[in-house]
Amino acid sequence: ISRDSAKNTVYLQMNNLSPEDTAVY
């Protein structure tokens, strides 16, 4: 997880995803 405070934006970089990660985020 990371953020750019100047843009009021948060990010979530997701790597090595598996079917168990299937969801609404």
PDB file of all heavy atoms in Angstrom:
ATOM      1  N   ILE A   1       0.845  -1.177   0.000  1.00  0.00           N
ATOM      2  CA  ILE A   1       0.000   0.000   0.000  1.00  0.00           C
ATOM      3  C   ILE A   1       0.890   1.241   0.000  1.00  0.00           C
ATOM      4  O   ILE A   1       1.938   1.271   0.646  1.00  0.00           O
ATOM      5  CB  ILE A   1      -0.966   0.009   1.207  1.00  0.00           C
ATOM      6  CG1 ILE A   1      -1.983   1.140   1.076  1.00  0.00           C
ATOM      7  CG2 ILE A   1      -0.210   0.091   2.523  1.00  0.00           C
ATOM      8  CD1 ILE A   1      -3.110   1.066   2.100  1.00  0.00           C
ATOM      9  N   SER A   2       0.474   2.252  -0.730  1.00  0.00           N
ATOM     10  CA  SER A   2       1.211   3.506  -0.787  1.00  0.00           C
ATOM     11  C   SER A   2       0.221   4.636  -1.034  1.00  0.00           C
ATOM     12  O   SER A   2      -0.954   4.395  -1.324  1.00  0.00           O
ATOM     13  CB  SER A   2       2.287   3.475  -1.878  1.00  0.00           C
ATOM     14  OG  SER A   2       1.706   3.282  -3.156  1.00  0.00           O
ATOM     15  N   ARG A   3       0.695   5.865  -0.923  1.00  0.00           N
ATOM     16  CA  ARG A   3      -0.190   6.999  -1.146  1.00  0.00           C
ATOM     17  C   ARG A   3       0.568   8.171  -1.737  1.00  0.00           C
ATOM     18  O   ARG A   3       1.785   8.306  -1.555  1.00  0.00           O
ATOM     19  CB  ARG A   3      -0.885   7.418   0.162  1.00  0.00           C
ATOM     20  CG  ARG A   3       0.049   7.995   1.211  1.00  0.00           C
ATOM     21  CD  ARG A   3      -0.671   8.206   2.535  1.00  0.00           C
ATOM     22  NE  ARG A   3      -1.662   9.265   2.471  1.00  0.00           N
ATOM     23  CZ  ARG A   3      -2.573   9.505   3.417  1.00  0.00           C
ATOM     24  NH1 ARG A   3      -2.629   8.722   4.487  1.00  0.00           N
ATOM     25  NH2 ARG A   3      -3.429  10.509   3.285  1.00  0.00           N
ATOM     26  N   ASP A   4      -0.166   9.005  -2.431  1.00  0.00           N
ATOM     27  CA  ASP A   4       0.320  10.265  -2.946  1.00  0.00           C
ATOM     28  C   ASP A   4      -0.543  11.336  -2.311  1.00  0.00           C
ATOM     29  O   ASP A   4      -1.650  11.605  -2.773  1.00  0.00           O
ATOM     30  CB  ASP A   4       0.235  10.304  -4.468  1.00  0.00           C
ATOM     31  CG  ASP A   4       0.845  11.558  -5.057  1.00  0.00           C
ATOM     32  OD1 ASP A   4       1.022  12.554  -4.323  1.00  0.00           O
ATOM     33  OD2 ASP A   4       1.147  11.553  -6.262  1.00  0.00           O
ATOM     34  N   SER A   5      -0.044  11.932  -1.245  1.00  0.00           N
ATOM     35  CA  SER A   5      -0.844  12.875  -0.479  1.00  0.00           C
ATOM     36  C   SER A   5      -1.227  14.101  -1.301  1.00  0.00           C
ATOM     37  O   SER A   5      -2.308  14.659  -1.115  1.00  0.00           O
ATOM     38  CB  SER A   5      -0.089  13.298   0.781  1.00  0.00           C
ATOM     39  OG  SER A   5       0.100  12.200   1.653  1.00  0.00           O
ATOM     40  N   ALA A   6      -0.350  14.526  -2.206  1.00  0.00           N
ATOM     41  CA  ALA A   6      -0.644  15.687  -3.032  1.00  0.00           C
ATOM     42  C   ALA A   6      -1.844  15.449  -3.936  1.00  0.00           C
ATOM     43  O   ALA A   6      -2.519  16.393  -4.342  1.00  0.00           O
ATOM     44  CB  ALA A   6       0.580  16.079  -3.857  1.00  0.00           C
ATOM     45  N   LYS A   7      -2.109  14.196  -4.266  1.00  0.00           N
ATOM     46  CA  LYS A   7      -3.221  13.848  -5.142  1.00  0.00           C
ATOM     47  C   LYS A   7      -4.370  13.196  -4.388  1.00  0.00           C
ATOM     48  O   LYS A   7      -5.346  12.768  -5.012  1.00  0.00           O
ATOM     49  CB  LYS A   7      -2.736  12.912  -6.252  1.00  0.00           C
ATOM     50  CG  LYS A   7      -1.663  13.510  -7.137  1.00  0.00           C
ATOM     51  CD  LYS A   7      -1.081  12.492  -8.101  1.00  0.00           C
ATOM     52  CE  LYS A   7      -2.098  11.986  -9.087  1.00  0.00           C
ATOM     53  NZ  LYS A   7      -1.485  11.071 -10.088  1.00  0.00           N
ATOM     54  N   ASN A   8      -4.270  13.116  -3.065  1.00  0.00           N
ATOM     55  CA  ASN A   8      -5.292  12.462  -2.244  1.00  0.00           C
ATOM     56  C   ASN A   8      -5.623  11.073  -2.774  1.00  0.00           C
ATOM     57  O   ASN A   8      -6.785  10.685  -2.881  1.00  0.00           O
ATOM     58  CB  ASN A   8      -6.563  13.314  -2.177  1.00  0.00           C
ATOM     59  CG  ASN A   8      -6.366  14.584  -1.387  1.00  0.00           C
ATOM     60  OD1 ASN A   8      -5.547  14.647  -0.466  1.00  0.00           O
ATOM     61  ND2 ASN A   8      -7.128  15.622  -1.729  1.00  0.00           N
ATOM     62  N   THR A   9      -4.588  10.335  -3.081  1.00  0.00           N
ATOM     63  CA  THR A   9      -4.750   9.043  -3.724  1.00  0.00           C
ATOM     64  C   THR A   9      -3.976   7.965  -2.972  1.00  0.00           C
ATOM     65  O   THR A   9      -2.849   8.195  -2.531  1.00  0.00           O
ATOM     66  CB  THR A   9      -4.266   9.096  -5.177  1.00  0.00           C
ATOM     67  OG1 THR A   9      -5.037  10.062  -5.901  1.00  0.00           O
ATOM     68  CG2 THR A   9      -4.428   7.749  -5.859  1.00  0.00           C
ATOM     69  N   VAL A  10      -4.598   6.809  -2.844  1.00  0.00           N
ATOM     70  CA  VAL A  10      -3.965   5.652  -2.244  1.00  0.00           C
ATOM     71  C   VAL A  10      -3.918   4.543  -3.281  1.00  0.00           C
ATOM     72  O   VAL A  10      -4.816   4.422  -4.125  1.00  0.00           O
ATOM     73  CB  VAL A  10      -4.702   5.196  -0.967  1.00  0.00           C
ATOM     74  CG1 VAL A  10      -6.123   4.735  -1.282  1.00  0.00           C
ATOM     75  CG2 VAL A  10      -3.926   4.100  -0.250  1.00  0.00           C
ATOM     76  N   TYR A  11      -2.861   3.740  -3.225  1.00  0.00           N
ATOM     77  CA  TYR A  11      -2.658   2.667  -4.183  1.00  0.00           C
ATOM     78  C   TYR A  11      -2.499   1.346  -3.452  1.00  0.00           C
ATOM     79  O   TYR A  11      -2.094   1.292  -2.294  1.00  0.00           O
ATOM     80  CB  TYR A  11      -1.408   2.915  -5.031  1.00  0.00           C
ATOM     81  CG  TYR A  11      -1.377   4.255  -5.717  1.00  0.00           C
ATOM     82  CD1 TYR A  11      -0.747   5.344  -5.118  1.00  0.00           C
ATOM     83  CD2 TYR A  11      -1.973   4.435  -6.958  1.00  0.00           C
ATOM     84  CE1 TYR A  11      -0.720   6.579  -5.745  1.00  0.00           C
ATOM     85  CE2 TYR A  11      -1.951   5.660  -7.589  1.00  0.00           C
ATOM     86  CZ  TYR A  11      -1.318   6.733  -6.984  1.00  0.00           C
ATOM     87  OH  TYR A  11      -1.294   7.956  -7.606  1.00  0.00           O
ATOM     88  N   LEU A  12      -2.810   0.288  -4.160  1.00  0.00           N
ATOM     89  CA  LEU A  12      -2.554  -1.052  -3.661  1.00  0.00           C
ATOM     90  C   LEU A  12      -1.946  -1.859  -4.796  1.00  0.00           C
ATOM     91  O   LEU A  12      -2.637  -2.201  -5.759  1.00  0.00           O
ATOM     92  CB  LEU A  12      -3.831  -1.728  -3.157  1.00  0.00           C
ATOM     93  CG  LEU A  12      -3.634  -3.104  -2.520  1.00  0.00           C
ATOM     94  CD1 LEU A  12      -2.881  -2.973  -1.194  1.00  0.00           C
ATOM     95  CD2 LEU A  12      -4.969  -3.803  -2.297  1.00  0.00           C
ATOM     96  N   GLN A  13      -0.660  -2.137  -4.687  1.00  0.00           N
ATOM     97  CA  GLN A  13       0.024  -2.983  -5.648  1.00  0.00           C
ATOM     98  C   GLN A  13      -0.120  -4.423  -5.192  1.00  0.00           C
ATOM     99  O   GLN A  13       0.315  -4.776  -4.095  1.00  0.00           O
ATOM    100  CB  GLN A  13       1.503  -2.603  -5.750  1.00  0.00           C
ATOM    101  CG  GLN A  13       2.303  -3.472  -6.708  1.00  0.00           C
ATOM    102  CD  GLN A  13       1.882  -3.303  -8.144  1.00  0.00           C
ATOM    103  OE1 GLN A  13       1.723  -2.175  -8.614  1.00  0.00           O
ATOM    104  NE2 GLN A  13       1.683  -4.412  -8.853  1.00  0.00           N
ATOM    105  N   MET A  14      -0.725  -5.252  -6.018  1.00  0.00           N
ATOM    106  CA  MET A  14      -0.991  -6.635  -5.684  1.00  0.00           C
ATOM    107  C   MET A  14      -0.203  -7.536  -6.621  1.00  0.00           C
ATOM    108  O   MET A  14      -0.421  -7.516  -7.834  1.00  0.00           O
ATOM    109  CB  MET A  14      -2.484  -6.945  -5.772  1.00  0.00           C
ATOM    110  CG  MET A  14      -3.353  -6.040  -4.911  1.00  0.00           C
ATOM    111  SD  MET A  14      -5.099  -6.543  -4.886  1.00  0.00           S
ATOM    112  CE  MET A  14      -5.534  -6.224  -6.602  1.00  0.00           C
ATOM    113  N   ASN A  15       0.694  -8.311  -6.058  1.00  0.00           N
ATOM    114  CA  ASN A  15       1.515  -9.233  -6.822  1.00  0.00           C
ATOM    115  C   ASN A  15       1.228 -10.669  -6.412  1.00  0.00           C
ATOM    116  O   ASN A  15       0.715 -10.928  -5.324  1.00  0.00           O
ATOM    117  CB  ASN A  15       3.002  -8.927  -6.610  1.00  0.00           C
ATOM    118  CG  ASN A  15       3.401  -7.549  -7.067  1.00  0.00           C
ATOM    119  OD1 ASN A  15       2.893  -7.037  -8.059  1.00  0.00           O
ATOM    120  ND2 ASN A  15       4.336  -6.937  -6.331  1.00  0.00           N
ATOM    121  N   ASN A  16       1.587 -11.590  -7.291  1.00  0.00           N
ATOM    122  CA  ASN A  16       1.407 -13.017  -7.032  1.00  0.00           C
ATOM    123  C   ASN A  16      -0.017 -13.323  -6.577  1.00  0.00           C
ATOM    124  O   ASN A  16      -0.236 -13.986  -5.561  1.00  0.00           O
ATOM    125  CB  ASN A  16       2.423 -13.503  -5.998  1.00  0.00           C
ATOM    126  CG  ASN A  16       2.507 -15.013  -5.934  1.00  0.00           C
ATOM    127  OD1 ASN A  16       2.180 -15.710  -6.887  1.00  0.00           O
ATOM    128  ND2 ASN A  16       2.938 -15.533  -4.783  1.00  0.00           N
ATOM    129  N   LEU A  17      -0.955 -12.852  -7.340  1.00  0.00           N
ATOM    130  CA  LEU A  17      -2.356 -13.039  -6.986  1.00  0.00           C
ATOM    131  C   LEU A  17      -2.773 -14.497  -7.120  1.00  0.00           C
ATOM    132  O   LEU A  17      -2.271 -15.228  -7.972  1.00  0.00           O
ATOM    133  CB  LEU A  17      -3.239 -12.165  -7.869  1.00  0.00           C
ATOM    134  CG  LEU A  17      -3.190 -10.671  -7.546  1.00  0.00           C
ATOM    135  CD1 LEU A  17      -3.727  -9.856  -8.712  1.00  0.00           C
ATOM    136  CD2 LEU A  17      -3.979 -10.378  -6.280  1.00  0.00           C
ATOM    137  N   SER A  18      -3.695 -14.888  -6.281  1.00  0.00           N
ATOM    138  CA  SER A  18      -4.255 -16.230  -6.303  1.00  0.00           C
ATOM    139  C   SER A  18      -5.773 -16.138  -6.384  1.00  0.00           C
ATOM    140  O   SER A  18      -6.349 -15.085  -6.100  1.00  0.00           O
ATOM    141  CB  SER A  18      -3.832 -17.018  -5.067  1.00  0.00           C
ATOM    142  OG  SER A  18      -4.451 -16.504  -3.902  1.00  0.00           O
ATOM    143  N   PRO A  19      -6.445 -17.219  -6.769  1.00  0.00           N
ATOM    144  CA  PRO A  19      -7.906 -17.176  -6.825  1.00  0.00           C
ATOM    145  C   PRO A  19      -8.558 -16.778  -5.506  1.00  0.00           C
ATOM    146  O   PRO A  19      -9.655 -16.214  -5.511  1.00  0.00           O
ATOM    147  CB  PRO A  19      -8.282 -18.611  -7.219  1.00  0.00           C
ATOM    148  CG  PRO A  19      -7.115 -19.087  -8.008  1.00  0.00           C
ATOM    149  CD  PRO A  19      -5.915 -18.477  -7.336  1.00  0.00           C
ATOM    150  N   GLU A  20      -7.898 -17.052  -4.400  1.00  0.00           N
ATOM    151  CA  GLU A  20      -8.430 -16.678  -3.095  1.00  0.00           C
ATOM    152  C   GLU A  20      -8.483 -15.164  -2.894  1.00  0.00           C
ATOM    153  O   GLU A  20      -9.146 -14.687  -1.969  1.00  0.00           O
ATOM    154  CB  GLU A  20      -7.609 -17.317  -1.976  1.00  0.00           C
ATOM    155  CG  GLU A  20      -7.788 -18.834  -1.837  1.00  0.00           C
ATOM    156  CD  GLU A  20      -7.163 -19.607  -2.986  1.00  0.00           C
ATOM    157  OE1 GLU A  20      -6.139 -19.138  -3.533  1.00  0.00           O
ATOM    158  OE2 GLU A  20      -7.691 -20.681  -3.347  1.00  0.00           O
ATOM    159  N   ASP A  21      -7.789 -14.428  -3.737  1.00  0.00           N
ATOM    160  CA  ASP A  21      -7.821 -12.974  -3.660  1.00  0.00           C
ATOM    161  C   ASP A  21      -9.024 -12.379  -4.383  1.00  0.00           C
ATOM    162  O   ASP A  21      -9.223 -11.157  -4.335  1.00  0.00           O
ATOM    163  CB  ASP A  21      -6.538 -12.379  -4.245  1.00  0.00           C
ATOM    164  CG  ASP A  21      -5.308 -12.760  -3.444  1.00  0.00           C
ATOM    165  OD1 ASP A  21      -5.364 -12.697  -2.198  1.00  0.00           O
ATOM    166  OD2 ASP A  21      -4.283 -13.115  -4.066  1.00  0.00           O
ATOM    167  N   THR A  22      -9.790 -13.200  -5.061  1.00  0.00           N
ATOM    168  CA  THR A  22     -10.962 -12.712  -5.773  1.00  0.00           C
ATOM    169  C   THR A  22     -11.952 -12.089  -4.802  1.00  0.00           C
ATOM    170  O   THR A  22     -12.385 -12.736  -3.841  1.00  0.00           O
ATOM    171  CB  THR A  22     -11.633 -13.848  -6.550  1.00  0.00           C
ATOM    172  OG1 THR A  22     -10.748 -14.314  -7.569  1.00  0.00           O
ATOM    173  CG2 THR A  22     -12.927 -13.375  -7.200  1.00  0.00           C
ATOM    174  N   ALA A  23     -12.299 -10.838  -5.037  1.00  0.00           N
ATOM    175  CA  ALA A  23     -13.188 -10.109  -4.144  1.00  0.00           C
ATOM    176  C   ALA A  23     -13.446  -8.729  -4.731  1.00  0.00           C
ATOM    177  O   ALA A  23     -12.808  -8.316  -5.699  1.00  0.00           O
ATOM    178  CB  ALA A  23     -12.565  -9.971  -2.749  1.00  0.00           C
ATOM    179  N   VAL A  24     -14.385  -8.033  -4.119  1.00  0.00           N
ATOM    180  CA  VAL A  24     -14.541  -6.615  -4.376  1.00  0.00           C
ATOM    181  C   VAL A  24     -13.657  -5.872  -3.387  1.00  0.00           C
ATOM    182  O   VAL A  24     -13.745  -6.101  -2.179  1.00  0.00           O
ATOM    183  CB  VAL A  24     -16.006  -6.160  -4.236  1.00  0.00           C
ATOM    184  CG1 VAL A  24     -16.116  -4.652  -4.432  1.00  0.00           C
ATOM    185  CG2 VAL A  24     -16.884  -6.890  -5.239  1.00  0.00           C
ATOM    186  N   TYR A  25     -12.813  -5.009  -3.898  1.00  0.00           N
ATOM    187  CA  TYR A  25     -11.887  -4.258  -3.069  1.00  0.00           C
ATOM    188  C   TYR A  25     -12.412  -2.842  -2.881  1.00  0.00           C
ATOM    189  O   TYR A  25     -12.725  -2.146  -3.849  1.00  0.00           O
ATOM    190  CB  TYR A  25     -10.494  -4.242  -3.697  1.00  0.00           C
ATOM    191  CG  TYR A  25      -9.773  -5.558  -3.544  1.00  0.00           C
ATOM    192  CD1 TYR A  25     -10.180  -6.683  -4.248  1.00  0.00           C
ATOM    193  CD2 TYR A  25      -8.696  -5.681  -2.672  1.00  0.00           C
ATOM    194  CE1 TYR A  25      -9.544  -7.896  -4.093  1.00  0.00           C
ATOM    195  CE2 TYR A  25      -8.049  -6.892  -2.510  1.00  0.00           C
ATOM    196  CZ  TYR A  25      -8.481  -7.997  -3.223  1.00  0.00           C
ATOM    197  OH  TYR A  25      -7.833  -9.205  -3.060  1.00  0.00           O
TER     198      TYR A  25
END
